[in-house]
Amino acid sequence: MSPVREHYNPIITKLLREHDRLPHENVAERKSFQRQIMYLMNTIKLDEFEQSFT
């Protein structure tokens, strides 16, 4: 596992748990968690992509 993935995976897991605890009626809050998770996942992918060229 890449260092950046090891760093961000616990954060993503925490956000997923918080997202899952919210009731489905809290659409705005759930979407906020989803955006944060997607941002972190994209950060991981970008870093791994950049590392593949070094």
Protein backbone atom coordinates (compact mmCIF):
# COMPACT_ATOMS: atom_id res chain seq x y z
CA MET A 1 0.00 0.00 0.00
CA SER A 2 1.34 3.42 -0.90
CA PRO A 3 2.30 5.83 1.89
CA VAL A 4 -0.36 8.33 0.84
CA ARG A 5 -3.01 5.61 0.88
CA GLU A 6 -1.89 4.50 4.35
CA HIS A 7 -2.19 8.10 5.49
CA TYR A 8 -5.66 8.83 4.06
CA ASN A 9 -7.43 5.47 4.45
CA PRO A 10 -8.17 5.91 8.18
CA ILE A 11 -9.58 9.38 7.47
CA ILE A 12 -11.76 8.06 4.65
CA THR A 13 -12.97 5.19 6.84
CA LYS A 14 -13.91 7.64 9.61
CA LEU A 15 -15.83 9.83 7.14
CA LEU A 16 -17.65 6.79 5.74
CA ARG A 17 -18.74 5.73 9.22
CA GLU A 18 -20.01 9.22 10.01
CA HIS A 19 -21.82 9.32 6.66
CA ASP A 20 -23.48 5.98 7.33
CA ARG A 21 -24.70 7.11 10.76
CA LEU A 22 -26.65 10.02 9.29
CA PRO A 23 -30.32 9.49 8.49
CA HIS A 24 -31.17 9.46 4.79
CA GLU A 25 -33.19 12.66 5.27
CA ASN A 26 -29.97 14.64 5.91
CA VAL A 27 -29.21 14.89 2.20
CA ALA A 28 -27.03 18.01 2.36
CA GLU A 29 -24.86 16.62 5.17
CA ARG A 30 -24.52 13.25 3.46
CA LYS A 31 -23.48 14.94 0.21
CA SER A 32 -20.90 16.97 2.10
CA PHE A 33 -19.35 13.76 3.46
CA GLN A 34 -19.44 12.24 -0.03
CA ARG A 35 -17.59 15.24 -1.49
CA GLN A 36 -14.91 15.04 1.20
CA ILE A 37 -14.46 11.31 0.60
CA MET A 38 -14.24 11.75 -3.17
CA TYR A 39 -11.72 14.56 -2.77
CA LEU A 40 -9.47 12.38 -0.61
CA MET A 41 -9.80 9.43 -2.97
CA ASN A 42 -8.86 11.65 -5.92
CA THR A 43 -5.89 12.97 -3.94
CA ILE A 44 -4.68 9.41 -3.40
CA LYS A 45 -5.09 8.49 -7.08
CA LEU A 46 -3.31 11.65 -8.25
CA ASP A 47 -0.37 11.05 -5.92
CA GLU A 48 -0.08 7.40 -6.96
CA PHE A 49 -0.27 8.43 -10.62
CA GLU A 50 2.49 11.01 -10.13
CA GLN A 51 4.62 8.46 -8.27
CA SER A 52 4.33 6.02 -11.16
CA PHE A 53 6.41 8.41 -13.27
CA THR A 54 9.28 8.75 -10.81
